[in-house]
Amino acid sequence: MPAKSKAQQKAAGAALAAKRGEQKKSDLQGASLQMYESMSEDELEDFASTPREDLPEKVDGDD
């Protein structure tokens, strides 16, 4: 499932980095922390790999 906004894609990237041990979980906040806790690494990979060029900055419902 692709990300719906640049903000969502960025949050997924941060959560994915934490899942992989490249970033501390304690550095996460808001949407990225929720994604870390509720999504698998594969799901985060799908969101984080969404091409950003055609995405809006933010959509209603994004944190």
PDB file of N, CA and C in Angstrom:
ATOM      1  N   MET A   1       0.848  -1.176   0.000  1.00  0.00           N
ATOM      2  CA  MET A   1       0.000   0.000   0.000  1.00  0.00           C
ATOM      3  C   MET A   1       0.895   1.241   0.000  1.00  0.00           C
ATOM      4  N   PRO A   2       0.750   2.087  -0.964  1.00  0.00           N
ATOM      5  CA  PRO A   2       1.620   3.259  -1.028  1.00  0.00           C
ATOM      6  C   PRO A   2       1.194   4.355  -0.057  1.00  0.00           C
ATOM      7  N   ALA A   3       2.148   5.209   0.296  1.00  0.00           N
ATOM      8  CA  ALA A   3       1.861   6.363   1.143  1.00  0.00           C
ATOM      9  C   ALA A   3       0.968   7.334   0.377  1.00  0.00           C
ATOM     10  N   LYS A   4       0.138   8.073   1.106  1.00  0.00           N
ATOM     11  CA  LYS A   4      -0.777   9.030   0.485  1.00  0.00           C
ATOM     12  C   LYS A   4      -0.264  10.456   0.529  1.00  0.00           C
ATOM     13  N   SER A   5       0.825  10.696   1.260  1.00  0.00           N
ATOM     14  CA  SER A   5       1.402  12.040   1.330  1.00  0.00           C
ATOM     15  C   SER A   5       2.893  11.941   1.622  1.00  0.00           C
ATOM     16  N   LYS A   6       3.593  13.056   1.393  1.00  0.00           N
ATOM     17  CA  LYS A   6       5.022  13.099   1.690  1.00  0.00           C
ATOM     18  C   LYS A   6       5.266  12.935   3.180  1.00  0.00           C
ATOM     19  N   ALA A   7       4.385  13.508   4.012  1.00  0.00           N
ATOM     20  CA  ALA A   7       4.532  13.388   5.464  1.00  0.00           C
ATOM     21  C   ALA A   7       4.429  11.929   5.893  1.00  0.00           C
ATOM     22  N   GLN A   8       3.493  11.194   5.322  1.00  0.00           N
ATOM     23  CA  GLN A   8       3.305   9.783   5.657  1.00  0.00           C
ATOM     24  C   GLN A   8       4.511   8.962   5.178  1.00  0.00           C
ATOM     25  N   GLN A   9       5.020   9.274   4.016  1.00  0.00           N
ATOM     26  CA  GLN A   9       6.170   8.567   3.468  1.00  0.00           C
ATOM     27  C   GLN A   9       7.403   8.806   4.345  1.00  0.00           C
ATOM     28  N   LYS A  10       7.577  10.032   4.791  1.00  0.00           N
ATOM     29  CA  LYS A  10       8.715  10.388   5.642  1.00  0.00           C
ATOM     30  C   LYS A  10       8.620   9.685   7.002  1.00  0.00           C
ATOM     31  N   ALA A  11       7.424   9.662   7.591  1.00  0.00           N
ATOM     32  CA  ALA A  11       7.218   8.985   8.873  1.00  0.00           C
ATOM     33  C   ALA A  11       7.511   7.492   8.752  1.00  0.00           C
ATOM     34  N   ALA A  12       7.091   6.901   7.653  1.00  0.00           N
ATOM     35  CA  ALA A  12       7.347   5.476   7.427  1.00  0.00           C
ATOM     36  C   ALA A  12       8.842   5.219   7.295  1.00  0.00           C
ATOM     37  N   GLY A  13       9.552   6.116   6.659  1.00  0.00           N
ATOM     38  CA  GLY A  13      11.002   5.969   6.521  1.00  0.00           C
ATOM     39  C   GLY A  13      11.705   6.008   7.865  1.00  0.00           C
ATOM     40  N   ALA A  14      11.272   6.900   8.740  1.00  0.00           N
ATOM     41  CA  ALA A  14      11.856   6.991  10.078  1.00  0.00           C
ATOM     42  C   ALA A  14      11.550   5.728  10.881  1.00  0.00           C
ATOM     43  N   ALA A  15      10.307   5.254  10.806  1.00  0.00           N
ATOM     44  CA  ALA A  15       9.923   4.035  11.523  1.00  0.00           C
ATOM     45  C   ALA A  15      10.697   2.829  10.995  1.00  0.00           C
ATOM     46  N   LEU A  16      10.878   2.768   9.694  1.00  0.00           N
ATOM     47  CA  LEU A  16      11.624   1.664   9.085  1.00  0.00           C
ATOM     48  C   LEU A  16      13.082   1.675   9.554  1.00  0.00           C
ATOM     49  N   ALA A  17      13.677   2.858   9.613  1.00  0.00           N
ATOM     50  CA  ALA A  17      15.060   2.966  10.082  1.00  0.00           C
ATOM     51  C   ALA A  17      15.186   2.460  11.517  1.00  0.00           C
ATOM     52  N   ALA A  18      14.205   2.762  12.341  1.00  0.00           N
ATOM     53  CA  ALA A  18      14.222   2.283  13.729  1.00  0.00           C
ATOM     54  C   ALA A  18      14.042   0.767  13.782  1.00  0.00           C
ATOM     55  N   LYS A  19      13.146   0.230  12.959  1.00  0.00           N
ATOM     56  CA  LYS A  19      12.938  -1.229  12.916  1.00  0.00           C
ATOM     57  C   LYS A  19      14.229  -1.945  12.540  1.00  0.00           C
ATOM     58  N   ARG A  20      14.999  -1.327  11.674  1.00  0.00           N
ATOM     59  CA  ARG A  20      16.251  -1.932  11.200  1.00  0.00           C
ATOM     60  C   ARG A  20      17.427  -1.658  12.129  1.00  0.00           C
ATOM     61  N   GLY A  21      17.199  -0.865  13.192  1.00  0.00           N
ATOM     62  CA  GLY A  21      18.267  -0.556  14.131  1.00  0.00           C
ATOM     63  C   GLY A  21      19.188   0.556  13.672  1.00  0.00           C
ATOM     64  N   GLU A  22      18.804   1.283  12.642  1.00  0.00           N
ATOM     65  CA  GLU A  22      19.615   2.376  12.113  1.00  0.00           C
ATOM     66  C   GLU A  22      19.333   3.684  12.851  1.00  0.00           C
ATOM     67  N   GLN A  23      18.289   3.698  13.644  1.00  0.00           N
ATOM     68  CA  GLN A  23      17.866   4.879  14.386  1.00  0.00           C
ATOM     69  C   GLN A  23      17.267   4.376  15.702  1.00  0.00           C
ATOM     70  N   LYS A  24      17.363   5.187  16.749  1.00  0.00           N
ATOM     71  CA  LYS A  24      16.805   4.792  18.040  1.00  0.00           C
ATOM     72  C   LYS A  24      15.292   4.939  18.042  1.00  0.00           C
ATOM     73  N   LYS A  25      14.610   3.965  18.641  1.00  0.00           N
ATOM     74  CA  LYS A  25      13.159   4.047  18.770  1.00  0.00           C
ATOM     75  C   LYS A  25      12.775   5.281  19.578  1.00  0.00           C
ATOM     76  N   SER A  26      13.601   5.649  20.545  1.00  0.00           N
ATOM     77  CA  SER A  26      13.311   6.811  21.392  1.00  0.00           C
ATOM     78  C   SER A  26      13.342   8.126  20.616  1.00  0.00           C
ATOM     79  N   ASP A  27      13.912   8.121  19.419  1.00  0.00           N
ATOM     80  CA  ASP A  27      13.932   9.319  18.572  1.00  0.00           C
ATOM     81  C   ASP A  27      12.611   9.513  17.822  1.00  0.00           C
ATOM     82  N   LEU A  28      11.778   8.481  17.785  1.00  0.00           N
ATOM     83  CA  LEU A  28      10.520   8.551  17.051  1.00  0.00           C
ATOM     84  C   LEU A  28       9.459   9.270  17.876  1.00  0.00           C
ATOM     85  N   GLN A  29       8.549   9.932  17.163  1.00  0.00           N
ATOM     86  CA  GLN A  29       7.413  10.564  17.819  1.00  0.00           C
ATOM     87  C   GLN A  29       6.260  10.656  16.838  1.00  0.00           C
ATOM     88  N   GLY A  30       5.076  10.833  17.371  1.00  0.00           N
ATOM     89  CA  GLY A  30       3.890  11.003  16.532  1.00  0.00           C
ATOM     90  C   GLY A  30       3.625   9.819  15.626  1.00  0.00           C
ATOM     91  N   ALA A  31       3.377  10.117  14.359  1.00  0.00           N
ATOM     92  CA  ALA A  31       2.997   9.093  13.385  1.00  0.00           C
ATOM     93  C   ALA A  31       4.078   8.039  13.194  1.00  0.00           C
ATOM     94  N   SER A  32       5.341   8.454  13.209  1.00  0.00           N
ATOM     95  CA  SER A  32       6.407   7.468  12.994  1.00  0.00           C
ATOM     96  C   SER A  32       6.460   6.456  14.139  1.00  0.00           C
ATOM     97  N   LEU A  33       6.201   6.878  15.374  1.00  0.00           N
ATOM     98  CA  LEU A  33       6.174   5.960  16.503  1.00  0.00           C
ATOM     99  C   LEU A  33       4.986   5.014  16.400  1.00  0.00           C
ATOM    100  N   GLN A  34       3.838   5.537  16.016  1.00  0.00           N
ATOM    101  CA  GLN A  34       2.659   4.684  15.835  1.00  0.00           C
ATOM    102  C   GLN A  34       2.900   3.653  14.737  1.00  0.00           C
ATOM    103  N   MET A  35       3.511   4.085  13.637  1.00  0.00           N
ATOM    104  CA  MET A  35       3.813   3.161  12.543  1.00  0.00           C
ATOM    105  C   MET A  35       4.796   2.086  12.999  1.00  0.00           C
ATOM    106  N   TYR A  36       5.808   2.485  13.745  1.00  0.00           N
ATOM    107  CA  TYR A  36       6.805   1.545  14.257  1.00  0.00           C
ATOM    108  C   TYR A  36       6.139   0.441  15.058  1.00  0.00           C
ATOM    109  N   GLU A  37       5.199   0.828  15.908  1.00  0.00           N
ATOM    110  CA  GLU A  37       4.560  -0.118  16.808  1.00  0.00           C
ATOM    111  C   GLU A  37       3.495  -0.982  16.132  1.00  0.00           C
ATOM    112  N   SER A  38       2.895  -0.495  15.068  1.00  0.00           N
ATOM    113  CA  SER A  38       1.748  -1.215  14.498  1.00  0.00           C
ATOM    114  C   SER A  38       1.995  -1.863  13.135  1.00  0.00           C
ATOM    115  N   MET A  39       3.126  -1.612  12.521  1.00  0.00           N
ATOM    116  CA  MET A  39       3.361  -2.124  11.173  1.00  0.00           C
ATOM    117  C   MET A  39       4.600  -3.010  11.125  1.00  0.00           C
ATOM    118  N   SER A  40       4.579  -3.949  10.200  1.00  0.00           N
ATOM    119  CA  SER A  40       5.740  -4.819   9.995  1.00  0.00           C
ATOM    120  C   SER A  40       6.784  -4.083   9.151  1.00  0.00           C
ATOM    121  N   GLU A  41       7.974  -4.642   9.123  1.00  0.00           N
ATOM    122  CA  GLU A  41       9.038  -4.052   8.323  1.00  0.00           C
ATOM    123  C   GLU A  41       8.647  -4.029   6.833  1.00  0.00           C
ATOM    124  N   ASP A  42       7.987  -5.077   6.365  1.00  0.00           N
ATOM    125  CA  ASP A  42       7.558  -5.129   4.962  1.00  0.00           C
ATOM    126  C   ASP A  42       6.539  -4.030   4.650  1.00  0.00           C
ATOM    127  N   GLU A  43       5.585  -3.824   5.561  1.00  0.00           N
ATOM    128  CA  GLU A  43       4.588  -2.762   5.353  1.00  0.00           C
ATOM    129  C   GLU A  43       5.255  -1.383   5.342  1.00  0.00           C
ATOM    130  N   LEU A  44       6.182  -1.181   6.259  1.00  0.00           N
ATOM    131  CA  LEU A  44       6.895   0.104   6.302  1.00  0.00           C
ATOM    132  C   LEU A  44       7.712   0.312   5.034  1.00  0.00           C
ATOM    133  N   GLU A  45       8.297  -0.752   4.535  1.00  0.00           N
ATOM    134  CA  GLU A  45       9.070  -0.671   3.287  1.00  0.00           C
ATOM    135  C   GLU A  45       8.180  -0.204   2.134  1.00  0.00           C
ATOM    136  N   ASP A  46       6.965  -0.733   2.057  1.00  0.00           N
ATOM    137  CA  ASP A  46       6.028  -0.327   1.006  1.00  0.00           C
ATOM    138  C   ASP A  46       5.713   1.168   1.093  1.00  0.00           C
ATOM    139  N   PHE A  47       5.421   1.643   2.295  1.00  0.00           N
ATOM    140  CA  PHE A  47       5.111   3.061   2.479  1.00  0.00           C
ATOM    141  C   PHE A  47       6.327   3.929   2.176  1.00  0.00           C
ATOM    142  N   ALA A  48       7.479   3.547   2.728  1.00  0.00           N
ATOM    143  CA  ALA A  48       8.680   4.368   2.598  1.00  0.00           C
ATOM    144  C   ALA A  48       9.197   4.425   1.168  1.00  0.00           C
ATOM    145  N   SER A  49       8.915   3.403   0.381  1.00  0.00           N
ATOM    146  CA  SER A  49       9.444   3.363  -0.987  1.00  0.00           C
ATOM    147  C   SER A  49       8.523   4.031  -2.015  1.00  0.00           C
ATOM    148  N   THR A  50       7.430   4.616  -1.553  1.00  0.00           N
ATOM    149  CA  THR A  50       6.514   5.311  -2.449  1.00  0.00           C
ATOM    150  C   THR A  50       7.218   6.504  -3.097  1.00  0.00           C
ATOM    151  N   PRO A  51       7.182   6.627  -4.426  1.00  0.00           N
ATOM    152  CA  PRO A  51       7.775   7.803  -5.065  1.00  0.00           C
ATOM    153  C   PRO A  51       7.103   9.082  -4.559  1.00  0.00           C
ATOM    154  N   ARG A  52       7.904  10.080  -4.211  1.00  0.00           N
ATOM    155  CA  ARG A  52       7.390  11.297  -3.584  1.00  0.00           C
ATOM    156  C   ARG A  52       6.909  12.346  -4.577  1.00  0.00           C
ATOM    157  N   GLU A  53       7.343  12.293  -5.799  1.00  0.00           N
ATOM    158  CA  GLU A  53       7.111  13.395  -6.743  1.00  0.00           C
ATOM    159  C   GLU A  53       5.651  13.794  -6.933  1.00  0.00           C
ATOM    160  N   ASP A  54       4.742  12.854  -6.911  1.00  0.00           N
ATOM    161  CA  ASP A  54       3.328  13.182  -7.158  1.00  0.00           C
ATOM    162  C   ASP A  54       2.489  13.243  -5.886  1.00  0.00           C
ATOM    163  N   LEU A  55       3.129  13.159  -4.727  1.00  0.00           N
ATOM    164  CA  LEU A  55       2.388  13.174  -3.471  1.00  0.00           C
ATOM    165  C   LEU A  55       2.190  14.595  -2.953  1.00  0.00           C
ATOM    166  N   PRO A  56       1.040  14.856  -2.328  1.00  0.00           N
ATOM    167  CA  PRO A  56       0.867  16.149  -1.657  1.00  0.00           C
ATOM    168  C   PRO A  56       1.720  16.164  -0.393  1.00  0.00           C
ATOM    169  N   GLU A  57       2.004  17.347   0.149  1.00  0.00           N
ATOM    170  CA  GLU A  57       2.779  17.444   1.378  1.00  0.00           C
ATOM    171  C   GLU A  57       2.064  16.725   2.512  1.00  0.00           C
ATOM    172  N   LYS A  58       0.760  16.935   2.610  1.00  0.00           N
ATOM    173  CA  LYS A  58      -0.019  16.390   3.703  1.00  0.00           C
ATOM    174  C   LYS A  58      -1.465  16.212   3.236  1.00  0.00           C
ATOM    175  N   VAL A  59      -2.157  15.246   3.782  1.00  0.00           N
ATOM    176  CA  VAL A  59      -3.587  15.065   3.532  1.00  0.00           C
ATOM    177  C   VAL A  59      -4.300  15.042   4.867  1.00  0.00           C
ATOM    178  N   ASP A  60      -5.588  15.304   4.864  1.00  0.00           N
ATOM    179  CA  ASP A  60      -6.369  15.260   6.101  1.00  0.00           C
ATOM    180  C   ASP A  60      -6.199  13.897   6.745  1.00  0.00           C
ATOM    181  N   GLY A  61      -5.906  13.917   8.044  1.00  0.00           N
ATOM    182  CA  GLY A  61      -5.704  12.673   8.764  1.00  0.00           C
ATOM    183  C   GLY A  61      -4.257  12.349   9.005  1.00  0.00           C
ATOM    184  N   ASP A  62      -3.330  12.998   8.308  1.00  0.00           N
ATOM    185  CA  ASP A  62      -1.898  12.798   8.570  1.00  0.00           C
ATOM    186  C   ASP A  62      -1.538  13.501   9.866  1.00  0.00           C
ATOM    187  N   ASP A  63      -0.620  12.902  10.627  1.00  0.00           N
ATOM    188  CA  ASP A  63      -0.124  13.550  11.840  1.00  0.00           C
ATOM    189  C   ASP A  63       1.046  14.449  11.501  1.00  0.00           C
TER     190      ASP A  63
END
